[in-house]
Amino acid sequence: MVSPVADQPIGIFDSGYGGLTVARAVLDQLPHEPILYLGDTRGSRTARVDRTGARLFAGVPGPWLVDQGVKMLVIACNSASSAVLRDARERYSVPVIEVIHRPPAAPRPPPATATWA
């Protein structure tokens, strides 16, 4: 028997058009997975969104997508991801994925010593 999760869509949301690139990448990598995409192209808020605005925006599609029964939530909006990722991971019962790629932190330099080579 197939798990009900297998039939649930992956939820993706963005505040503009950039999330369509993310949706395309998901479809390319997981062609048999259903997707439920929600993008606010009317407002196209990708220009400059402060943290409060991003939280307000992310507060609408996240709960709606989860209520639709998605198996995971992809925040394809950099502004919303940086503002609400931690809250979303605590709030929702599904995995929440971000698409911001942060390079690993630079390693710490070795401790200074009194001896020189």
PDB file of N, CA and C in Angstrom:
ATOM      1  N   MET A   1       0.836  -1.186   0.000  1.00  0.00           N
ATOM      2  CA  MET A   1       0.000   0.000   0.000  1.00  0.00           C
ATOM      3  C   MET A   1       0.881   1.251   0.000  1.00  0.00           C
ATOM      4  N   VAL A   2       0.530   2.234  -0.808  1.00  0.00           N
ATOM      5  CA  VAL A   2       1.289   3.478  -0.912  1.00  0.00           C
ATOM      6  C   VAL A   2       0.858   4.430   0.194  1.00  0.00           C
ATOM      7  N   SER A   3       1.827   5.068   0.804  1.00  0.00           N
ATOM      8  CA  SER A   3       1.540   6.029   1.861  1.00  0.00           C
ATOM      9  C   SER A   3       0.772   7.217   1.303  1.00  0.00           C
ATOM     10  N   PRO A   4      -0.183   7.781   2.087  1.00  0.00           N
ATOM     11  CA  PRO A   4      -0.910   8.957   1.623  1.00  0.00           C
ATOM     12  C   PRO A   4       0.008  10.131   1.317  1.00  0.00           C
ATOM     13  N   VAL A   5       1.169  10.205   1.975  1.00  0.00           N
ATOM     14  CA  VAL A   5       2.105  11.300   1.754  1.00  0.00           C
ATOM     15  C   VAL A   5       2.592  11.297   0.304  1.00  0.00           C
ATOM     16  N   ALA A   6       2.715  10.120  -0.294  1.00  0.00           N
ATOM     17  CA  ALA A   6       3.216  10.033  -1.665  1.00  0.00           C
ATOM     18  C   ALA A   6       2.325  10.803  -2.632  1.00  0.00           C
ATOM     19  N   ASP A   7       1.039  10.865  -2.376  1.00  0.00           N
ATOM     20  CA  ASP A   7       0.109  11.547  -3.262  1.00  0.00           C
ATOM     21  C   ASP A   7      -0.029  13.033  -2.957  1.00  0.00           C
ATOM     22  N   GLN A   8       0.484  13.481  -1.834  1.00  0.00           N
ATOM     23  CA  GLN A   8       0.356  14.887  -1.464  1.00  0.00           C
ATOM     24  C   GLN A   8       1.327  15.731  -2.276  1.00  0.00           C
ATOM     25  N   PRO A   9       0.916  16.952  -2.646  1.00  0.00           N
ATOM     26  CA  PRO A   9       1.812  17.798  -3.427  1.00  0.00           C
ATOM     27  C   PRO A   9       2.895  18.448  -2.569  1.00  0.00           C
ATOM     28  N   ILE A  10       3.926  18.918  -3.243  1.00  0.00           N
ATOM     29  CA  ILE A  10       4.942  19.762  -2.630  1.00  0.00           C
ATOM     30  C   ILE A  10       4.444  21.189  -2.780  1.00  0.00           C
ATOM     31  N   GLY A  11       4.358  21.932  -1.693  1.00  0.00           N
ATOM     32  CA  GLY A  11       3.902  23.315  -1.738  1.00  0.00           C
ATOM     33  C   GLY A  11       5.064  24.258  -1.940  1.00  0.00           C
ATOM     34  N   ILE A  12       4.932  25.171  -2.896  1.00  0.00           N
ATOM     35  CA  ILE A  12       5.980  26.154  -3.184  1.00  0.00           C
ATOM     36  C   ILE A  12       5.336  27.528  -3.217  1.00  0.00           C
ATOM     37  N   PHE A  13       5.936  28.507  -2.528  1.00  0.00           N
ATOM     38  CA  PHE A  13       5.423  29.868  -2.660  1.00  0.00           C
ATOM     39  C   PHE A  13       6.535  30.890  -2.808  1.00  0.00           C
ATOM     40  N   ASP A  14       6.171  31.986  -3.470  1.00  0.00           N
ATOM     41  CA  ASP A  14       7.107  33.070  -3.737  1.00  0.00           C
ATOM     42  C   ASP A  14       6.330  34.373  -3.816  1.00  0.00           C
ATOM     43  N   SER A  15       7.041  35.479  -3.664  1.00  0.00           N
ATOM     44  CA  SER A  15       6.395  36.789  -3.722  1.00  0.00           C
ATOM     45  C   SER A  15       6.509  37.424  -5.102  1.00  0.00           C
ATOM     46  N   GLY A  16       6.884  36.675  -6.071  1.00  0.00           N
ATOM     47  CA  GLY A  16       7.023  37.216  -7.425  1.00  0.00           C
ATOM     48  C   GLY A  16       7.160  36.092  -8.426  1.00  0.00           C
ATOM     49  N   TYR A  17       8.004  36.310  -9.425  1.00  0.00           N
ATOM     50  CA  TYR A  17       8.159  35.331 -10.498  1.00  0.00           C
ATOM     51  C   TYR A  17       9.306  34.357 -10.279  1.00  0.00           C
ATOM     52  N   GLY A  18      10.234  34.667  -9.414  1.00  0.00           N
ATOM     53  CA  GLY A  18      11.410  33.825  -9.227  1.00  0.00           C
ATOM     54  C   GLY A  18      11.099  32.414  -8.784  1.00  0.00           C
ATOM     55  N   GLY A  19      10.013  32.236  -8.074  1.00  0.00           N
ATOM     56  CA  GLY A  19       9.638  30.908  -7.603  1.00  0.00           C
ATOM     57  C   GLY A  19       9.299  29.949  -8.724  1.00  0.00           C
ATOM     58  N   LEU A  20       8.966  30.488  -9.889  1.00  0.00           N
ATOM     59  CA  LEU A  20       8.700  29.615 -11.032  1.00  0.00           C
ATOM     60  C   LEU A  20       9.958  28.854 -11.436  1.00  0.00           C
ATOM     61  N   THR A  21      11.113  29.477 -11.259  1.00  0.00           N
ATOM     62  CA  THR A  21      12.378  28.797 -11.532  1.00  0.00           C
ATOM     63  C   THR A  21      12.571  27.643 -10.554  1.00  0.00           C
ATOM     64  N   VAL A  22      12.219  27.872  -9.304  1.00  0.00           N
ATOM     65  CA  VAL A  22      12.313  26.822  -8.294  1.00  0.00           C
ATOM     66  C   VAL A  22      11.346  25.688  -8.631  1.00  0.00           C
ATOM     67  N   ALA A  23      10.116  26.038  -8.995  1.00  0.00           N
ATOM     68  CA  ALA A  23       9.127  25.017  -9.360  1.00  0.00           C
ATOM     69  C   ALA A  23       9.620  24.199 -10.552  1.00  0.00           C
ATOM     70  N   ARG A  24      10.207  24.863 -11.536  1.00  0.00           N
ATOM     71  CA  ARG A  24      10.739  24.166 -12.715  1.00  0.00           C
ATOM     72  C   ARG A  24      11.845  23.195 -12.312  1.00  0.00           C
ATOM     73  N   ALA A  25      12.716  23.630 -11.398  1.00  0.00           N
ATOM     74  CA  ALA A  25      13.804  22.765 -10.930  1.00  0.00           C
ATOM     75  C   ALA A  25      13.258  21.552 -10.189  1.00  0.00           C
ATOM     76  N   VAL A  26      12.215  21.758  -9.382  1.00  0.00           N
ATOM     77  CA  VAL A  26      11.594  20.634  -8.670  1.00  0.00           C
ATOM     78  C   VAL A  26      10.992  19.652  -9.674  1.00  0.00           C
ATOM     79  N   LEU A  27      10.294  20.171 -10.669  1.00  0.00           N
ATOM     80  CA  LEU A  27       9.706  19.302 -11.695  1.00  0.00           C
ATOM     81  C   LEU A  27      10.782  18.550 -12.479  1.00  0.00           C
ATOM     82  N   ASP A  28      11.899  19.215 -12.764  1.00  0.00           N
ATOM     83  CA  ASP A  28      12.990  18.547 -13.479  1.00  0.00           C
ATOM     84  C   ASP A  28      13.592  17.414 -12.662  1.00  0.00           C
ATOM     85  N   GLN A  29      13.771  17.654 -11.361  1.00  0.00           N
ATOM     86  CA  GLN A  29      14.396  16.657 -10.492  1.00  0.00           C
ATOM     87  C   GLN A  29      13.422  15.581 -10.011  1.00  0.00           C
ATOM     88  N   LEU A  30      12.163  15.957  -9.857  1.00  0.00           N
ATOM     89  CA  LEU A  30      11.141  15.037  -9.328  1.00  0.00           C
ATOM     90  C   LEU A  30       9.918  15.065 -10.245  1.00  0.00           C
ATOM     91  N   PRO A  31      10.045  14.542 -11.463  1.00  0.00           N
ATOM     92  CA  PRO A  31       8.986  14.702 -12.458  1.00  0.00           C
ATOM     93  C   PRO A  31       7.644  14.066 -12.091  1.00  0.00           C
ATOM     94  N   HIS A  32       7.631  13.130 -11.175  1.00  0.00           N
ATOM     95  CA  HIS A  32       6.376  12.462 -10.823  1.00  0.00           C
ATOM     96  C   HIS A  32       5.721  13.043  -9.573  1.00  0.00           C
ATOM     97  N   GLU A  33       6.345  14.074  -9.009  1.00  0.00           N
ATOM     98  CA  GLU A  33       5.794  14.697  -7.806  1.00  0.00           C
ATOM     99  C   GLU A  33       4.778  15.772  -8.179  1.00  0.00           C
ATOM    100  N   PRO A  34       3.605  15.757  -7.563  1.00  0.00           N
ATOM    101  CA  PRO A  34       2.663  16.855  -7.783  1.00  0.00           C
ATOM    102  C   PRO A  34       3.146  18.104  -7.052  1.00  0.00           C
ATOM    103  N   ILE A  35       2.854  19.262  -7.624  1.00  0.00           N
ATOM    104  CA  ILE A  35       3.268  20.541  -7.045  1.00  0.00           C
ATOM    105  C   ILE A  35       2.050  21.439  -6.910  1.00  0.00           C
ATOM    106  N   LEU A  36       1.992  22.156  -5.807  1.00  0.00           N
ATOM    107  CA  LEU A  36       0.988  23.206  -5.614  1.00  0.00           C
ATOM    108  C   LEU A  36       1.773  24.497  -5.441  1.00  0.00           C
ATOM    109  N   TYR A  37       1.693  25.376  -6.448  1.00  0.00           N
ATOM    110  CA  TYR A  37       2.489  26.603  -6.473  1.00  0.00           C
ATOM    111  C   TYR A  37       1.606  27.807  -6.201  1.00  0.00           C
ATOM    112  N   LEU A  38       2.072  28.690  -5.331  1.00  0.00           N
ATOM    113  CA  LEU A  38       1.360  29.925  -5.041  1.00  0.00           C
ATOM    114  C   LEU A  38       2.349  31.077  -5.141  1.00  0.00           C
ATOM    115  N   GLY A  39       2.112  31.976  -6.098  1.00  0.00           N
ATOM    116  CA  GLY A  39       2.982  33.121  -6.283  1.00  0.00           C
ATOM    117  C   GLY A  39       2.177  34.403  -6.324  1.00  0.00           C
ATOM    118  N   ASP A  40       2.684  35.419  -5.660  1.00  0.00           N
ATOM    119  CA  ASP A  40       2.010  36.708  -5.644  1.00  0.00           C
ATOM    120  C   ASP A  40       2.612  37.577  -6.738  1.00  0.00           C
ATOM    121  N   THR A  41       2.222  37.316  -7.973  1.00  0.00           N
ATOM    122  CA  THR A  41       2.756  38.102  -9.079  1.00  0.00           C
ATOM    123  C   THR A  41       2.045  39.437  -9.218  1.00  0.00           C
ATOM    124  N   ARG A  42       0.888  39.578  -8.608  1.00  0.00           N
ATOM    125  CA  ARG A  42       0.163  40.850  -8.667  1.00  0.00           C
ATOM    126  C   ARG A  42       0.967  41.949  -7.983  1.00  0.00           C
ATOM    127  N   GLY A  43       1.441  41.653  -6.775  1.00  0.00           N
ATOM    128  CA  GLY A  43       2.195  42.656  -6.036  1.00  0.00           C
ATOM    129  C   GLY A  43       3.657  42.694  -6.449  1.00  0.00           C
ATOM    130  N   SER A  44       4.147  41.588  -6.941  1.00  0.00           N
ATOM    131  CA  SER A  44       5.551  41.440  -7.312  1.00  0.00           C
ATOM    132  C   SER A  44       6.444  42.151  -6.308  1.00  0.00           C
ATOM    133  N   ARG A  45       6.420  41.660  -5.098  1.00  0.00           N
ATOM    134  CA  ARG A  45       7.090  42.321  -3.973  1.00  0.00           C
ATOM    135  C   ARG A  45       8.573  42.015  -3.890  1.00  0.00           C
ATOM    136  N   THR A  46       9.155  41.497  -4.938  1.00  0.00           N
ATOM    137  CA  THR A  46      10.555  41.098  -4.839  1.00  0.00           C
ATOM    138  C   THR A  46      11.500  42.280  -4.776  1.00  0.00           C
ATOM    139  N   ALA A  47      11.037  43.474  -5.106  1.00  0.00           N
ATOM    140  CA  ALA A  47      11.923  44.631  -5.143  1.00  0.00           C
ATOM    141  C   ALA A  47      12.592  44.847  -3.795  1.00  0.00           C
ATOM    142  N   ARG A  48      11.917  45.516  -2.887  1.00  0.00           N
ATOM    143  CA  ARG A  48      12.478  45.735  -1.552  1.00  0.00           C
ATOM    144  C   ARG A  48      11.386  45.476  -0.533  1.00  0.00           C
ATOM    145  N   VAL A  49      11.581  44.434   0.236  1.00  0.00           N
ATOM    146  CA  VAL A  49      10.598  44.063   1.248  1.00  0.00           C
ATOM    147  C   VAL A  49      11.302  44.069   2.589  1.00  0.00           C
ATOM    148  N   ASP A  50      10.765  44.841   3.527  1.00  0.00           N
ATOM    149  CA  ASP A  50      11.377  44.822   4.846  1.00  0.00           C
ATOM    150  C   ASP A  50      10.946  43.550   5.582  1.00  0.00           C
ATOM    151  N   ARG A  51      11.558  43.313   6.717  1.00  0.00           N
ATOM    152  CA  ARG A  51      11.315  42.079   7.465  1.00  0.00           C
ATOM    153  C   ARG A  51       9.852  41.944   7.870  1.00  0.00           C
ATOM    154  N   THR A  52       9.219  43.033   8.286  1.00  0.00           N
ATOM    155  CA  THR A  52       7.809  42.980   8.680  1.00  0.00           C
ATOM    156  C   THR A  52       6.932  42.633   7.494  1.00  0.00           C
ATOM    157  N   GLY A  53       7.199  43.263   6.353  1.00  0.00           N
ATOM    158  CA  GLY A  53       6.427  42.961   5.152  1.00  0.00           C
ATOM    159  C   GLY A  53       6.588  41.519   4.724  1.00  0.00           C
ATOM    160  N   ALA A  54       7.795  40.996   4.816  1.00  0.00           N
ATOM    161  CA  ALA A  54       8.035  39.596   4.450  1.00  0.00           C
ATOM    162  C   ALA A  54       7.293  38.663   5.390  1.00  0.00           C
ATOM    163  N   ARG A  55       7.255  38.999   6.678  1.00  0.00           N
ATOM    164  CA  ARG A  55       6.519  38.162   7.635  1.00  0.00           C
ATOM    165  C   ARG A  55       5.029  38.176   7.345  1.00  0.00           C
ATOM    166  N   LEU A  56       4.509  39.346   7.006  1.00  0.00           N
ATOM    167  CA  LEU A  56       3.086  39.428   6.664  1.00  0.00           C
ATOM    168  C   LEU A  56       2.781  38.623   5.418  1.00  0.00           C
ATOM    169  N   PHE A  57       3.636  38.744   4.400  1.00  0.00           N
ATOM    170  CA  PHE A  57       3.419  37.987   3.171  1.00  0.00           C
ATOM    171  C   PHE A  57       3.481  36.490   3.441  1.00  0.00           C
ATOM    172  N   ALA A  58       4.508  36.066   4.154  1.00  0.00           N
ATOM    173  CA  ALA A  58       4.693  34.642   4.399  1.00  0.00           C
ATOM    174  C   ALA A  58       3.613  34.074   5.303  1.00  0.00           C
ATOM    175  N   GLY A  59       2.953  34.925   6.071  1.00  0.00           N
ATOM    176  CA  GLY A  59       1.897  34.450   6.954  1.00  0.00           C
ATOM    177  C   GLY A  59       0.635  34.036   6.229  1.00  0.00           C
ATOM    178  N   VAL A  60       0.511  34.380   4.960  1.00  0.00           N
ATOM    179  CA  VAL A  60      -0.691  34.022   4.205  1.00  0.00           C
ATOM    180  C   VAL A  60      -0.528  32.716   3.435  1.00  0.00           C
ATOM    181  N   PRO A  61       0.463  32.588   2.531  1.00  0.00           N
ATOM    182  CA  PRO A  61       0.530  31.368   1.735  1.00  0.00           C
ATOM    183  C   PRO A  61       0.952  30.136   2.518  1.00  0.00           C
ATOM    184  N   GLY A  62       1.807  30.287   3.524  1.00  0.00           N
ATOM    185  CA  GLY A  62       2.249  29.126   4.294  1.00  0.00           C
ATOM    186  C   GLY A  62       1.094  28.353   4.888  1.00  0.00           C
ATOM    187  N   PRO A  63       0.257  28.995   5.702  1.00  0.00           N
ATOM    188  CA  PRO A  63      -0.871  28.264   6.291  1.00  0.00           C
ATOM    189  C   PRO A  63      -1.844  27.734   5.228  1.00  0.00           C
ATOM    190  N   TRP A  64      -2.065  28.503   4.175  1.00  0.00           N
ATOM    191  CA  TRP A  64      -2.991  28.053   3.136  1.00  0.00           C
ATOM    192  C   TRP A  64      -2.480  26.782   2.468  1.00  0.00           C
ATOM    193  N   LEU A  65      -1.200  26.763   2.120  1.00  0.00           N
ATOM    194  CA  LEU A  65      -0.636  25.579   1.483  1.00  0.00           C
ATOM    195  C   LEU A  65      -0.668  24.369   2.419  1.00  0.00           C
ATOM    196  N   VAL A  66      -0.337  24.576   3.679  1.00  0.00           N
ATOM    197  CA  VAL A  66      -0.376  23.477   4.649  1.00  0.00           C
ATOM    198  C   VAL A  66      -1.812  22.968   4.800  1.00  0.00           C
ATOM    199  N   ASP A  67      -2.774  23.886   4.820  1.00  0.00           N
ATOM    200  CA  ASP A  67      -4.185  23.482   4.902  1.00  0.00           C
ATOM    201  C   ASP A  67      -4.621  22.678   3.680  1.00  0.00           C
ATOM    202  N   GLN A  68      -3.948  22.870   2.544  1.00  0.00           N
ATOM    203  CA  GLN A  68      -4.279  22.111   1.331  1.00  0.00           C
ATOM    204  C   GLN A  68      -3.692  20.703   1.368  1.00  0.00           C
ATOM    205  N   GLY A  69      -2.878  20.416   2.376  1.00  0.00           N
ATOM    206  CA  GLY A  69      -2.347  19.065   2.537  1.00  0.00           C
ATOM    207  C   GLY A  69      -1.008  18.813   1.873  1.00  0.00           C
ATOM    208  N   VAL A  70      -0.169  19.843   1.744  1.00  0.00           N
ATOM    209  CA  VAL A  70       1.144  19.616   1.139  1.00  0.00           C
ATOM    210  C   VAL A  70       2.004  18.758   2.065  1.00  0.00           C
ATOM    211  N   LYS A  71       2.924  18.003   1.461  1.00  0.00           N
ATOM    212  CA  LYS A  71       3.797  17.152   2.265  1.00  0.00           C
ATOM    213  C   LYS A  71       5.060  17.878   2.714  1.00  0.00           C
ATOM    214  N   MET A  72       5.382  18.979   2.040  1.00  0.00           N
ATOM    215  CA  MET A  72       6.492  19.838   2.439  1.00  0.00           C
ATOM    216  C   MET A  72       6.243  21.212   1.860  1.00  0.00           C
ATOM    217  N   LEU A  73       6.889  22.199   2.433  1.00  0.00           N
ATOM    218  CA  LEU A  73       6.706  23.579   2.023  1.00  0.00           C
ATOM    219  C   LEU A  73       8.054  24.146   1.598  1.00  0.00           C
ATOM    220  N   VAL A  74       8.115  24.664   0.375  1.00  0.00           N
ATOM    221  CA  VAL A  74       9.332  25.280  -0.129  1.00  0.00           C
ATOM    222  C   VAL A  74       9.102  26.786  -0.177  1.00  0.00           C
ATOM    223  N   ILE A  75       9.899  27.517   0.587  1.00  0.00           N
ATOM    224  CA  ILE A  75       9.820  28.978   0.567  1.00  0.00           C
ATOM    225  C   ILE A  75      10.796  29.439  -0.509  1.00  0.00           C
ATOM    226  N   ALA A  76      10.259  29.800  -1.675  1.00  0.00           N
ATOM    227  CA  ALA A  76      11.092  30.187  -2.810  1.00  0.00           C
ATOM    228  C   ALA A  76      11.346  31.684  -2.842  1.00  0.00           C
ATOM    229  N   CYS A  77      10.946  32.379  -1.806  1.00  0.00           N
ATOM    230  CA  CYS A  77      11.114  33.825  -1.710  1.00  0.00           C
ATOM    231  C   CYS A  77      12.252  34.109  -0.733  1.00  0.00           C
ATOM    232  N   ASN A  78      13.323  34.722  -1.222  1.00  0.00           N
ATOM    233  CA  ASN A  78      14.460  34.999  -0.347  1.00  0.00           C
ATOM    234  C   ASN A  78      14.094  35.893   0.826  1.00  0.00           C
ATOM    235  N   SER A  79      13.280  36.928   0.573  1.00  0.00           N
ATOM    236  CA  SER A  79      12.892  37.844   1.649  1.00  0.00           C
ATOM    237  C   SER A  79      12.096  37.119   2.718  1.00  0.00           C
ATOM    238  N   ALA A  80      11.104  36.345   2.301  1.00  0.00           N
ATOM    239  CA  ALA A  80      10.283  35.611   3.268  1.00  0.00           C
ATOM    240  C   ALA A  80      11.103  34.549   3.977  1.00  0.00           C
ATOM    241  N   SER A  81      11.969  33.880   3.243  1.00  0.00           N
ATOM    242  CA  SER A  81      12.787  32.833   3.846  1.00  0.00           C
ATOM    243  C   SER A  81      13.677  33.389   4.947  1.00  0.00           C
ATOM    244  N   SER A  82      14.317  34.526   4.665  1.00  0.00           N
ATOM    245  CA  SER A  82      15.204  35.096   5.685  1.00  0.00           C
ATOM    246  C   SER A  82      14.424  35.629   6.878  1.00  0.00           C
ATOM    247  N   ALA A  83      13.163  36.007   6.667  1.00  0.00           N
ATOM    248  CA  ALA A  83      12.372  36.595   7.746  1.00  0.00           C
ATOM    249  C   ALA A  83      11.611  35.566   8.573  1.00  0.00           C
ATOM    250  N   VAL A  84      11.155  34.485   7.956  1.00  0.00           N
ATOM    251  CA  VAL A  84      10.218  33.604   8.667  1.00  0.00           C
ATOM    252  C   VAL A  84      10.609  32.133   8.704  1.00  0.00           C
ATOM    253  N   LEU A  85      11.764  31.767   8.199  1.00  0.00           N
ATOM    254  CA  LEU A  85      12.113  30.350   8.115  1.00  0.00           C
ATOM    255  C   LEU A  85      12.029  29.643   9.469  1.00  0.00           C
ATOM    256  N   ARG A  86      12.650  30.217  10.466  1.00  0.00           N
ATOM    257  CA  ARG A  86      12.651  29.576  11.790  1.00  0.00           C
ATOM    258  C   ARG A  86      11.228  29.442  12.331  1.00  0.00           C
ATOM    259  N   ASP A  87      10.438  30.517  12.219  1.00  0.00           N
ATOM    260  CA  ASP A  87       9.050  30.470  12.689  1.00  0.00           C
ATOM    261  C   ASP A  87       8.254  29.419  11.937  1.00  0.00           C
ATOM    262  N   ALA A  88       8.432  29.355  10.616  1.00  0.00           N
ATOM    263  CA  ALA A  88       7.680  28.390   9.801  1.00  0.00           C
ATOM    264  C   ALA A  88       8.037  26.967  10.195  1.00  0.00           C
ATOM    265  N   ARG A  89       9.298  26.703  10.445  1.00  0.00           N
ATOM    266  CA  ARG A  89       9.704  25.346  10.832  1.00  0.00           C
ATOM    267  C   ARG A  89       9.109  24.952  12.182  1.00  0.00           C
ATOM    268  N   GLU A  90       8.922  25.909  13.059  1.00  0.00           N
ATOM    269  CA  GLU A  90       8.312  25.616  14.358  1.00  0.00           C
ATOM    270  C   GLU A  90       6.800  25.492  14.250  1.00  0.00           C
ATOM    271  N   ARG A  91       6.188  26.245  13.352  1.00  0.00           N
ATOM    272  CA  ARG A  91       4.730  26.322  13.253  1.00  0.00           C
ATOM    273  C   ARG A  91       4.100  25.145  12.517  1.00  0.00           C
ATOM    274  N   TYR A  92       4.723  24.705  11.438  1.00  0.00           N
ATOM    275  CA  TYR A  92       4.086  23.720  10.571  1.00  0.00           C
ATOM    276  C   TYR A  92       4.553  22.308  10.862  1.00  0.00           C
ATOM    277  N   SER A  93       3.661  21.366  10.642  1.00  0.00           N
ATOM    278  CA  SER A  93       3.964  19.962  10.897  1.00  0.00           C
ATOM    279  C   SER A  93       4.647  19.297   9.711  1.00  0.00           C
ATOM    280  N   VAL A  94       4.873  20.045   8.635  1.00  0.00           N
ATOM    281  CA  VAL A  94       5.548  19.498   7.452  1.00  0.00           C
ATOM    282  C   VAL A  94       6.949  20.096   7.368  1.00  0.00           C
ATOM    283  N   PRO A  95       7.869  19.405   6.686  1.00  0.00           N
ATOM    284  CA  PRO A  95       9.202  19.998   6.511  1.00  0.00           C
ATOM    285  C   PRO A  95       9.120  21.309   5.736  1.00  0.00           C
ATOM    286  N   VAL A  96       9.935  22.283   6.144  1.00  0.00           N
ATOM    287  CA  VAL A  96       9.992  23.588   5.465  1.00  0.00           C
ATOM    288  C   VAL A  96      11.400  23.752   4.914  1.00  0.00           C
ATOM    289  N   ILE A  97      11.464  23.982   3.604  1.00  0.00           N
ATOM    290  CA  ILE A  97      12.739  24.071   2.900  1.00  0.00           C
ATOM    291  C   ILE A  97      12.928  25.508   2.405  1.00  0.00           C
ATOM    292  N   GLU A  98      14.137  26.005   2.474  1.00  0.00           N
ATOM    293  CA  GLU A  98      14.451  27.323   1.922  1.00  0.00           C
ATOM    294  C   GLU A  98      15.289  27.144   0.663  1.00  0.00           C
ATOM    295  N   VAL A  99      15.366  28.180  -0.140  1.00  0.00           N
ATOM    296  CA  VAL A  99      16.182  28.092  -1.344  1.00  0.00           C
ATOM    297  C   VAL A  99      17.349  29.065  -1.334  1.00  0.00           C
ATOM    298  N   ILE A 100      17.528  29.783  -0.240  1.00  0.00           N
ATOM    299  CA  ILE A 100      18.688  30.668  -0.124  1.00  0.00           C
ATOM    300  C   ILE A 100      19.917  29.788   0.065  1.00  0.00           C
ATOM    301  N   HIS A 101      20.903  29.997  -0.768  1.00  0.00           N
ATOM    302  CA  HIS A 101      22.142  29.236  -0.639  1.00  0.00           C
ATOM    303  C   HIS A 101      23.171  30.101   0.059  1.00  0.00           C
ATOM    304  N   ARG A 102      23.514  29.688   1.245  1.00  0.00           N
ATOM    305  CA  ARG A 102      24.521  30.421   2.009  1.00  0.00           C
ATOM    306  C   ARG A 102      25.828  29.647   1.945  1.00  0.00           C
ATOM    307  N   PRO A 103      26.903  30.308   1.579  1.00  0.00           N
ATOM    308  CA  PRO A 103      28.178  29.592   1.577  1.00  0.00           C
ATOM    309  C   PRO A 103      28.565  29.235   3.003  1.00  0.00           C
ATOM    310  N   PRO A 104      29.300  28.165   3.170  1.00  0.00           N
ATOM    311  CA  PRO A 104      29.725  27.822   4.529  1.00  0.00           C
ATOM    312  C   PRO A 104      30.609  28.918   5.108  1.00  0.00           C
ATOM    313  N   ALA A 105      30.537  29.063   6.393  1.00  0.00           N
ATOM    314  CA  ALA A 105      31.344  30.085   7.059  1.00  0.00           C
ATOM    315  C   ALA A 105      32.829  29.766   6.883  1.00  0.00           C
ATOM    316  N   ALA A 106      33.619  30.794   6.824  1.00  0.00           N
ATOM    317  CA  ALA A 106      35.073  30.598   6.705  1.00  0.00           C
ATOM    318  C   ALA A 106      35.580  29.950   7.986  1.00  0.00           C
ATOM    319  N   PRO A 107      36.515  29.038   7.851  1.00  0.00           N
ATOM    320  CA  PRO A 107      37.047  28.403   9.071  1.00  0.00           C
ATOM    321  C   PRO A 107      37.789  29.418   9.923  1.00  0.00           C
ATOM    322  N   ARG A 108      37.785  29.176  11.207  1.00  0.00           N
ATOM    323  CA  ARG A 108      38.523  30.057  12.106  1.00  0.00           C
ATOM    324  C   ARG A 108      40.017  29.902  11.876  1.00  0.00           C
ATOM    325  N   PRO A 109      40.732  31.000  12.001  1.00  0.00           N
ATOM    326  CA  PRO A 109      42.188  30.889  11.866  1.00  0.00           C
ATOM    327  C   PRO A 109      42.760  30.159  13.071  1.00  0.00           C
ATOM    328  N   PRO A 110      43.932  29.563  12.899  1.00  0.00           N
ATOM    329  CA  PRO A 110      44.528  28.883  14.056  1.00  0.00           C
ATOM    330  C   PRO A 110      44.840  29.903  15.152  1.00  0.00           C
ATOM    331  N   PRO A 111      44.860  29.466  16.389  1.00  0.00           N
ATOM    332  CA  PRO A 111      45.137  30.410  17.489  1.00  0.00           C
ATOM    333  C   PRO A 111      46.566  30.973  17.365  1.00  0.00           C
ATOM    334  N   ALA A 112      46.686  32.213  17.804  1.00  0.00           N
ATOM    335  CA  ALA A 112      47.996  32.859  17.781  1.00  0.00           C
ATOM    336  C   ALA A 112      48.907  32.203  18.810  1.00  0.00           C
ATOM    337  N   THR A 113      50.152  32.065  18.464  1.00  0.00           N
ATOM    338  CA  THR A 113      51.117  31.473  19.404  1.00  0.00           C
ATOM    339  C   THR A 113      52.278  32.451  19.614  1.00  0.00           C
ATOM    340  N   ALA A 114      53.022  32.221  20.672  1.00  0.00           N
ATOM    341  CA  ALA A 114      54.171  33.069  20.986  1.00  0.00           C
ATOM    342  C   ALA A 114      55.393  32.674  20.188  1.00  0.00           C
ATOM    343  N   THR A 115      55.375  31.500  19.598  1.00  0.00           N
ATOM    344  CA  THR A 115      56.554  31.040  18.842  1.00  0.00           C
ATOM    345  C   THR A 115      56.323  31.282  17.362  1.00  0.00           C
ATOM    346  N   TRP A 116      57.373  31.621  16.683  1.00  0.00           N
ATOM    347  CA  TRP A 116      57.317  31.835  15.230  1.00  0.00           C
ATOM    348  C   TRP A 116      58.245  30.838  14.567  1.00  0.00           C
ATOM    349  N   ALA A 117      57.866  30.366  13.445  1.00  0.00           N
ATOM    350  CA  ALA A 117      58.695  29.387  12.750  1.00  0.00           C
ATOM    351  C   ALA A 117      59.749  30.077  11.927  1.00  0.00           C
TER     352      ALA A 117
END
